[in-house]
PDB file of N, CA and C in Angstrom:
ATOM      1  N   MET A   1      -6.449 -22.928  -6.674  1.00  0.00           N
ATOM      2  CA  MET A   1      -5.742 -22.278  -7.744  1.00  0.00           C
ATOM      3  C   MET A   1      -4.243 -22.164  -7.518  1.00  0.00           C
ATOM      4  N   LYS A   2      -3.483 -22.322  -8.659  1.00  0.00           N
ATOM      5  CA  LYS A   2      -2.064 -22.335  -8.549  1.00  0.00           C
ATOM      6  C   LYS A   2      -1.564 -21.001  -9.373  1.00  0.00           C
ATOM      7  N   LEU A   3      -0.812 -20.165  -8.681  1.00  0.00           N
ATOM      8  CA  LEU A   3      -0.169 -19.026  -9.600  1.00  0.00           C
ATOM      9  C   LEU A   3       1.085 -19.294 -10.136  1.00  0.00           C
ATOM     10  N   SER A   4       1.566 -18.646 -11.261  1.00  0.00           N
ATOM     11  CA  SER A   4       2.602 -18.954 -11.931  1.00  0.00           C
ATOM     12  C   SER A   4       3.843 -18.039 -11.195  1.00  0.00           C
ATOM     13  N   ARG A   5       4.952 -18.206 -11.249  1.00  0.00           N
ATOM     14  CA  ARG A   5       6.080 -17.628 -10.717  1.00  0.00           C
ATOM     15  C   ARG A   5       6.001 -16.134 -11.195  1.00  0.00           C
ATOM     16  N   PRO A   6       5.993 -15.923 -12.403  1.00  0.00           N
ATOM     17  CA  PRO A   6       5.726 -14.362 -12.641  1.00  0.00           C
ATOM     18  C   PRO A   6       4.533 -13.695 -12.124  1.00  0.00           C
ATOM     19  N   VAL A   7       3.464 -14.215 -11.902  1.00  0.00           N
ATOM     20  CA  VAL A   7       2.400 -13.740 -11.494  1.00  0.00           C
ATOM     21  C   VAL A   7       2.525 -13.524  -9.911  1.00  0.00           C
ATOM     22  N   SER A   8       3.144 -14.476  -9.350  1.00  0.00           N
ATOM     23  CA  SER A   8       3.393 -14.319  -7.762  1.00  0.00           C
ATOM     24  C   SER A   8       4.314 -13.206  -7.463  1.00  0.00           C
ATOM     25  N   TRP A   9       5.376 -12.985  -8.292  1.00  0.00           N
ATOM     26  CA  TRP A   9       6.321 -11.904  -8.217  1.00  0.00           C
ATOM     27  C   TRP A   9       5.834 -10.548  -8.391  1.00  0.00           C
ATOM     28  N   PHE A  10       4.767 -10.574  -9.248  1.00  0.00           N
ATOM     29  CA  PHE A  10       4.371  -9.264  -9.578  1.00  0.00           C
ATOM     30  C   PHE A  10       3.292  -8.733  -8.555  1.00  0.00           C
ATOM     31  N   LEU A  11       2.539  -9.747  -8.128  1.00  0.00           N
ATOM     32  CA  LEU A  11       1.705  -9.646  -6.784  1.00  0.00           C
ATOM     33  C   LEU A  11       2.403  -9.029  -5.575  1.00  0.00           C
ATOM     34  N   LEU A  12       3.386  -9.567  -5.176  1.00  0.00           N
ATOM     35  CA  LEU A  12       4.423  -9.355  -4.125  1.00  0.00           C
ATOM     36  C   LEU A  12       5.110  -7.942  -4.568  1.00  0.00           C
ATOM     37  N   ALA A  13       5.455  -7.577  -5.595  1.00  0.00           N
ATOM     38  CA  ALA A  13       6.022  -6.399  -6.030  1.00  0.00           C
ATOM     39  C   ALA A  13       5.154  -5.236  -5.889  1.00  0.00           C
ATOM     40  N   PHE A  14       3.696  -5.564  -6.316  1.00  0.00           N
ATOM     41  CA  PHE A  14       2.717  -4.637  -6.321  1.00  0.00           C
ATOM     42  C   PHE A  14       2.473  -4.406  -4.851  1.00  0.00           C
ATOM     43  N   GLY A  15       2.578  -5.222  -3.990  1.00  0.00           N
ATOM     44  CA  GLY A  15       2.378  -5.038  -2.612  1.00  0.00           C
ATOM     45  C   GLY A  15       3.380  -4.232  -1.864  1.00  0.00           C
ATOM     46  N   VAL A  16       4.523  -4.452  -2.165  1.00  0.00           N
ATOM     47  CA  VAL A  16       5.625  -3.585  -1.778  1.00  0.00           C
ATOM     48  C   VAL A  16       5.650  -2.318  -2.274  1.00  0.00           C
ATOM     49  N   TRP A  17       5.196  -2.276  -3.437  1.00  0.00           N
ATOM     50  CA  TRP A  17       5.095  -0.814  -4.015  1.00  0.00           C
ATOM     51  C   TRP A  17       4.164  -0.003  -3.406  1.00  0.00           C
ATOM     52  N   SER A  18       3.038  -0.581  -3.253  1.00  0.00           N
ATOM     53  CA  SER A  18       1.877   0.011  -2.617  1.00  0.00           C
ATOM     54  C   SER A  18       2.353   0.580  -1.387  1.00  0.00           C
ATOM     55  N   TRP A  19       2.966  -0.066  -0.367  1.00  0.00           N
ATOM     56  CA  TRP A  19       3.567   0.497   0.806  1.00  0.00           C
ATOM     57  C   TRP A  19       4.422   1.472   0.735  1.00  0.00           C
ATOM     58  N   VAL A  20       5.450   1.291  -0.163  1.00  0.00           N
ATOM     59  CA  VAL A  20       6.525   2.305  -0.414  1.00  0.00           C
ATOM     60  C   VAL A  20       5.676   3.661  -0.920  1.00  0.00           C
ATOM     61  N   ILE A  21       4.837   3.765  -1.852  1.00  0.00           N
ATOM     62  CA  ILE A  21       4.304   4.761  -2.246  1.00  0.00           C
ATOM     63  C   ILE A  21       3.372   5.562  -1.367  1.00  0.00           C
ATOM     64  N   TRP A  22       2.479   4.907  -0.719  1.00  0.00           N
ATOM     65  CA  TRP A  22       1.649   5.418   0.288  1.00  0.00           C
ATOM     66  C   TRP A  22       2.201   5.849   1.561  1.00  0.00           C
ATOM     67  N   ILE A  23       3.366   5.230   1.962  1.00  0.00           N
ATOM     68  CA  ILE A  23       4.177   5.704   3.345  1.00  0.00           C
ATOM     69  C   ILE A  23       4.730   7.174   2.913  1.00  0.00           C
ATOM     70  N   THR A  24       5.276   7.128   1.668  1.00  0.00           N
ATOM     71  CA  THR A  24       5.793   8.580   1.303  1.00  0.00           C
ATOM     72  C   THR A  24       4.702   9.460   1.207  1.00  0.00           C
ATOM     73  N   PHE A  25       3.632   9.191   0.696  1.00  0.00           N
ATOM     74  CA  PHE A  25       2.471  10.237   0.487  1.00  0.00           C
ATOM     75  C   PHE A  25       1.940  10.653   1.888  1.00  0.00           C
ATOM     76  N   VAL A  26       1.873   9.701   2.932  1.00  0.00           N
ATOM     77  CA  VAL A  26       1.285  10.045   4.177  1.00  0.00           C
ATOM     78  C   VAL A  26       2.400  10.961   4.869  1.00  0.00           C
ATOM     79  N   LYS A  27       3.600  10.583   4.794  1.00  0.00           N
ATOM     80  CA  LYS A  27       4.692  11.433   5.374  1.00  0.00           C
ATOM     81  C   LYS A  27       4.628  12.961   4.857  1.00  0.00           C
ATOM     82  N   ASN A  28       4.336  13.039   3.566  1.00  0.00           N
ATOM     83  CA  ASN A  28       4.363  14.278   2.889  1.00  0.00           C
ATOM     84  C   ASN A  28       2.959  14.994   3.319  1.00  0.00           C
ATOM     85  N   LEU A  29       1.977  14.279   3.452  1.00  0.00           N
ATOM     86  CA  LEU A  29       0.684  14.883   3.928  1.00  0.00           C
ATOM     87  C   LEU A  29       0.740  15.408   5.148  1.00  0.00           C
ATOM     88  N   VAL A  30       1.385  14.663   6.158  1.00  0.00           N
ATOM     89  CA  VAL A  30       1.410  15.279   7.582  1.00  0.00           C
ATOM     90  C   VAL A  30       2.393  16.414   7.450  1.00  0.00           C
ATOM     91  N   LYS A  31       3.472  16.395   6.880  1.00  0.00           N
ATOM     92  CA  LYS A  31       4.387  17.600   6.814  1.00  0.00           C
ATOM     93  C   LYS A  31       3.770  18.803   6.155  1.00  0.00           C
ATOM     94  N   ASP A  32       2.841  18.784   5.371  1.00  0.00           N
ATOM     95  CA  ASP A  32       2.350  19.876   4.607  1.00  0.00           C
ATOM     96  C   ASP A  32       1.520  20.717   5.589  1.00  0.00           C
ATOM     97  N   GLY A  33       2.020  21.501   6.656  1.00  0.00           N
ATOM     98  CA  GLY A  33       1.278  22.330   7.223  1.00  0.00           C
ATOM     99  C   GLY A  33       0.577  23.596   6.821  1.00  0.00           C
ATOM    100  N   SER A  34       1.004  23.995   5.758  1.00  0.00           N
ATOM    101  CA  SER A  34       0.356  25.078   5.165  1.00  0.00           C
ATOM    102  C   SER A  34      -0.494  24.912   3.788  1.00  0.00           C
ATOM    103  N   GLY A  35      -0.554  23.585   3.319  1.00  0.00           N
ATOM    104  CA  GLY A  35      -1.216  23.361   2.240  1.00  0.00           C
ATOM    105  C   GLY A  35      -2.707  22.913   2.518  1.00  0.00           C
ATOM    106  N   PRO A  36      -3.396  22.194   1.699  1.00  0.00           N
ATOM    107  CA  PRO A  36      -4.923  21.982   1.790  1.00  0.00           C
ATOM    108  C   PRO A  36      -5.252  20.910   2.848  1.00  0.00           C
ATOM    109  N   ALA A  37      -4.221  20.212   3.391  1.00  0.00           N
ATOM    110  CA  ALA A  37      -4.380  19.202   4.442  1.00  0.00           C
ATOM    111  C   ALA A  37      -4.601  19.872   5.908  1.00  0.00           C
ATOM    112  N   PHE A  38      -4.281  20.982   6.056  1.00  0.00           N
ATOM    113  CA  PHE A  38      -4.397  21.749   7.464  1.00  0.00           C
ATOM    114  C   PHE A  38      -4.731  23.069   7.228  1.00  0.00           C
ATOM    115  N   ASP A  39      -5.843  23.513   8.207  1.00  0.00           N
ATOM    116  CA  ASP A  39      -6.439  24.890   8.358  1.00  0.00           C
ATOM    117  C   ASP A  39      -6.199  25.223   9.759  1.00  0.00           C
ATOM    118  N   ASP A  40      -5.294  26.150   9.823  1.00  0.00           N
ATOM    119  CA  ASP A  40      -4.944  26.675  11.254  1.00  0.00           C
ATOM    120  C   ASP A  40      -4.462  25.485  12.232  1.00  0.00           C
ATOM    121  N   GLY A  41      -3.607  24.677  11.731  1.00  0.00           N
ATOM    122  CA  GLY A  41      -3.091  23.555  12.459  1.00  0.00           C
ATOM    123  C   GLY A  41      -4.115  22.249  12.505  1.00  0.00           C
ATOM    124  N   ARG A  42      -5.483  22.663  12.124  1.00  0.00           N
ATOM    125  CA  ARG A  42      -6.275  21.356  12.336  1.00  0.00           C
ATOM    126  C   ARG A  42      -6.557  20.661  11.068  1.00  0.00           C
ATOM    127  N   PRO A  43      -6.662  19.234  10.759  1.00  0.00           N
ATOM    128  CA  PRO A  43      -6.877  18.511   9.835  1.00  0.00           C
ATOM    129  C   PRO A  43      -8.127  18.765   9.146  1.00  0.00           C
ATOM    130  N   THR A  44      -8.063  19.187   7.789  1.00  0.00           N
ATOM    131  CA  THR A  44      -9.144  19.240   6.855  1.00  0.00           C
ATOM    132  C   THR A  44      -9.896  17.931   6.466  1.00  0.00           C
ATOM    133  N   ALA A  45     -10.872  18.213   5.662  1.00  0.00           N
ATOM    134  CA  ALA A  45     -11.660  17.041   5.061  1.00  0.00           C
ATOM    135  C   ALA A  45     -10.663  16.237   3.994  1.00  0.00           C
ATOM    136  N   TYR A  46      -9.839  17.209   3.238  1.00  0.00           N
ATOM    137  CA  TYR A  46      -8.675  16.617   2.408  1.00  0.00           C
ATOM    138  C   TYR A  46      -7.778  15.708   2.960  1.00  0.00           C
ATOM    139  N   PHE A  47      -7.432  16.144   4.352  1.00  0.00           N
ATOM    140  CA  PHE A  47      -6.608  15.148   5.102  1.00  0.00           C
ATOM    141  C   PHE A  47      -7.087  14.095   5.341  1.00  0.00           C
ATOM    142  N   TRP A  48      -8.385  13.951   5.864  1.00  0.00           N
ATOM    143  CA  TRP A  48      -9.224  12.782   6.351  1.00  0.00           C
ATOM    144  C   TRP A  48      -9.267  11.713   5.119  1.00  0.00           C
ATOM    145  N   VAL A  49      -9.778  12.164   4.074  1.00  0.00           N
ATOM    146  CA  VAL A  49     -10.040  11.543   2.869  1.00  0.00           C
ATOM    147  C   VAL A  49      -8.710  10.848   2.426  1.00  0.00           C
ATOM    148  N   HIS A  50      -7.714  11.639   2.236  1.00  0.00           N
ATOM    149  CA  HIS A  50      -6.358  11.084   1.658  1.00  0.00           C
ATOM    150  C   HIS A  50      -5.760  10.033   2.784  1.00  0.00           C
ATOM    151  N   LEU A  51      -6.076  10.309   4.003  1.00  0.00           N
ATOM    152  CA  LEU A  51      -5.609   9.256   5.058  1.00  0.00           C
ATOM    153  C   LEU A  51      -6.503   7.936   4.878  1.00  0.00           C
ATOM    154  N   LEU A  52      -7.687   8.182   4.698  1.00  0.00           N
ATOM    155  CA  LEU A  52      -8.565   6.817   4.401  1.00  0.00           C
ATOM    156  C   LEU A  52      -8.049   6.031   3.198  1.00  0.00           C
ATOM    157  N   LEU A  53      -7.711   6.922   2.068  1.00  0.00           N
ATOM    158  CA  LEU A  53      -7.308   6.304   0.942  1.00  0.00           C
ATOM    159  C   LEU A  53      -6.094   5.581   1.204  1.00  0.00           C
ATOM    160  N   ALA A  54      -5.176   6.036   2.044  1.00  0.00           N
ATOM    161  CA  ALA A  54      -3.804   5.563   2.297  1.00  0.00           C
ATOM    162  C   ALA A  54      -4.077   4.187   3.006  1.00  0.00           C
ATOM    163  N   VAL A  55      -4.899   4.321   3.921  1.00  0.00           N
ATOM    164  CA  VAL A  55      -5.172   3.073   4.844  1.00  0.00           C
ATOM    165  C   VAL A  55      -5.732   1.893   4.124  1.00  0.00           C
ATOM    166  N   VAL A  56      -6.687   2.241   3.171  1.00  0.00           N
ATOM    167  CA  VAL A  56      -7.319   1.249   2.261  1.00  0.00           C
ATOM    168  C   VAL A  56      -6.255   0.754   1.396  1.00  0.00           C
ATOM    169  N   SER A  57      -5.306   1.547   0.897  1.00  0.00           N
ATOM    170  CA  SER A  57      -4.242   1.061   0.077  1.00  0.00           C
ATOM    171  C   SER A  57      -3.169   0.270   0.895  1.00  0.00           C
ATOM    172  N   PHE A  58      -2.917   0.315   2.013  1.00  0.00           N
ATOM    173  CA  PHE A  58      -2.076  -0.353   2.941  1.00  0.00           C
ATOM    174  C   PHE A  58      -2.743  -1.707   3.023  1.00  0.00           C
ATOM    175  N   VAL A  59      -3.904  -1.812   3.405  1.00  0.00           N
ATOM    176  CA  VAL A  59      -4.701  -2.904   3.413  1.00  0.00           C
ATOM    177  C   VAL A  59      -4.654  -3.990   2.214  1.00  0.00           C
ATOM    178  N   LEU A  60      -5.051  -3.320   1.107  1.00  0.00           N
ATOM    179  CA  LEU A  60      -5.039  -3.845  -0.201  1.00  0.00           C
ATOM    180  C   LEU A  60      -3.732  -4.411  -0.560  1.00  0.00           C
ATOM    181  N   GLY A  61      -2.700  -3.609  -0.312  1.00  0.00           N
ATOM    182  CA  GLY A  61      -1.356  -3.982  -0.630  1.00  0.00           C
ATOM    183  C   GLY A  61      -0.725  -5.047   0.073  1.00  0.00           C
ATOM    184  N   THR A  62      -1.204  -5.033   1.319  1.00  0.00           N
ATOM    185  CA  THR A  62      -0.933  -6.125   2.137  1.00  0.00           C
ATOM    186  C   THR A  62      -1.527  -7.477   1.736  1.00  0.00           C
ATOM    187  N   VAL A  63      -2.881  -7.395   1.509  1.00  0.00           N
ATOM    188  CA  VAL A  63      -3.486  -8.565   0.859  1.00  0.00           C
ATOM    189  C   VAL A  63      -3.086  -9.058  -0.526  1.00  0.00           C
ATOM    190  N   VAL A  64      -2.586  -8.232  -1.398  1.00  0.00           N
ATOM    191  CA  VAL A  64      -2.259  -8.605  -2.548  1.00  0.00           C
ATOM    192  C   VAL A  64      -0.536  -9.168  -2.452  1.00  0.00           C
ATOM    193  N   GLY A  65       0.282  -8.538  -1.768  1.00  0.00           N
ATOM    194  CA  GLY A  65       1.325  -9.087  -1.453  1.00  0.00           C
ATOM    195  C   GLY A  65       1.567 -10.303  -0.820  1.00  0.00           C
ATOM    196  N   THR A  66       0.612 -10.577   0.272  1.00  0.00           N
ATOM    197  CA  THR A  66       0.697 -11.786   0.815  1.00  0.00           C
ATOM    198  C   THR A  66      -0.039 -13.097  -0.082  1.00  0.00           C
ATOM    199  N   ILE A  67      -0.750 -12.741  -0.929  1.00  0.00           N
ATOM    200  CA  ILE A  67      -1.285 -13.696  -2.044  1.00  0.00           C
ATOM    201  C   ILE A  67       0.106 -14.023  -2.804  1.00  0.00           C
ATOM    202  N   GLY A  68       0.837 -13.151  -3.390  1.00  0.00           N
ATOM    203  CA  GLY A  68       2.023 -13.205  -4.168  1.00  0.00           C
ATOM    204  C   GLY A  68       2.864 -14.107  -3.182  1.00  0.00           C
ATOM    205  N   LEU A  69       3.272 -13.752  -1.978  1.00  0.00           N
ATOM    206  CA  LEU A  69       4.065 -14.492  -1.105  1.00  0.00           C
ATOM    207  C   LEU A  69       3.644 -15.867  -1.005  1.00  0.00           C
ATOM    208  N   ARG A  70       2.301 -16.132  -0.692  1.00  0.00           N
ATOM    209  CA  ARG A  70       2.028 -17.425  -0.507  1.00  0.00           C
ATOM    210  C   ARG A  70       2.169 -18.285  -1.816  1.00  0.00           C
ATOM    211  N   GLY A  71       1.978 -17.548  -3.190  1.00  0.00           N
ATOM    212  CA  GLY A  71       2.201 -18.248  -4.349  1.00  0.00           C
ATOM    213  C   GLY A  71       3.569 -18.744  -4.573  1.00  0.00           C
ATOM    214  N   LEU A  72       4.469 -17.761  -4.088  1.00  0.00           N
ATOM    215  CA  LEU A  72       5.850 -18.105  -4.269  1.00  0.00           C
ATOM    216  C   LEU A  72       6.305 -19.489  -3.281  1.00  0.00           C
ATOM    217  N   ARG A  73       5.711 -19.362  -2.107  1.00  0.00           N
ATOM    218  CA  ARG A  73       5.997 -20.507  -1.160  1.00  0.00           C
ATOM    219  C   ARG A  73       5.512 -21.655  -1.761  1.00  0.00           C
ATOM    220  N   ALA A  74       4.178 -21.735  -2.366  1.00  0.00           N
ATOM    221  CA  ALA A  74       3.475 -23.086  -2.795  1.00  0.00           C
ATOM    222  C   ALA A  74       4.440 -23.482  -4.019  1.00  0.00           C
ATOM    223  N   LEU A  75       4.917 -22.487  -4.950  1.00  0.00           N
ATOM    224  CA  LEU A  75       5.828 -23.030  -6.002  1.00  0.00           C
ATOM    225  C   LEU A  75       7.049 -23.640  -5.551  1.00  0.00           C
ATOM    226  N   ARG A  76       7.765 -23.056  -4.349  1.00  0.00           N
ATOM    227  CA  ARG A  76       8.859 -23.555  -3.665  1.00  0.00           C
ATOM    228  C   ARG A  76       8.635 -24.984  -3.274  1.00  0.00           C
ATOM    229  N   ARG A  77       7.407 -25.241  -2.713  1.00  0.00           N
ATOM    230  CA  ARG A  77       7.264 -26.455  -2.075  1.00  0.00           C
ATOM    231  C   ARG A  77       7.132 -27.607  -3.110  1.00  0.00           C
ATOM    232  N   THR A  78       6.408 -27.236  -4.363  1.00  0.00           N
ATOM    233  CA  THR A  78       6.180 -28.109  -5.336  1.00  0.00           C
ATOM    234  C   THR A  78       7.323 -28.638  -6.141  1.00  0.00           C
ATOM    235  N   SER A  79       8.362 -27.677  -6.175  1.00  0.00           N
ATOM    236  CA  SER A  79       9.562 -27.930  -7.034  1.00  0.00           C
ATOM    237  C   SER A  79      10.743 -28.613  -6.287  1.00  0.00           C
TER     238      SER A  79
END
C-alpha cells in the first residue's frame, strides 16, 4: 500500500503530537502529590490507570508516527 504525502505527514504529526501531549500529562500526573493520583504519598488506582493509558498512547503514537515516516521515505525514493 502506498500512502500519499499529506497522509504520511498527518500520521507523523499525529505520532509526535501523541508523545508531546502524553509526556506533559505524565509529568503533571507525577507532580500532583495532593490530587487523586496519590494517597499519603502512595500511587492510587487513578495513577496506575492513567499511567497505563499514557504507555499505550506512547506505543500507538510510535507505531503511527513510524508508518508516516516510512510513507514519507517511500515517496522520497520514488520521486
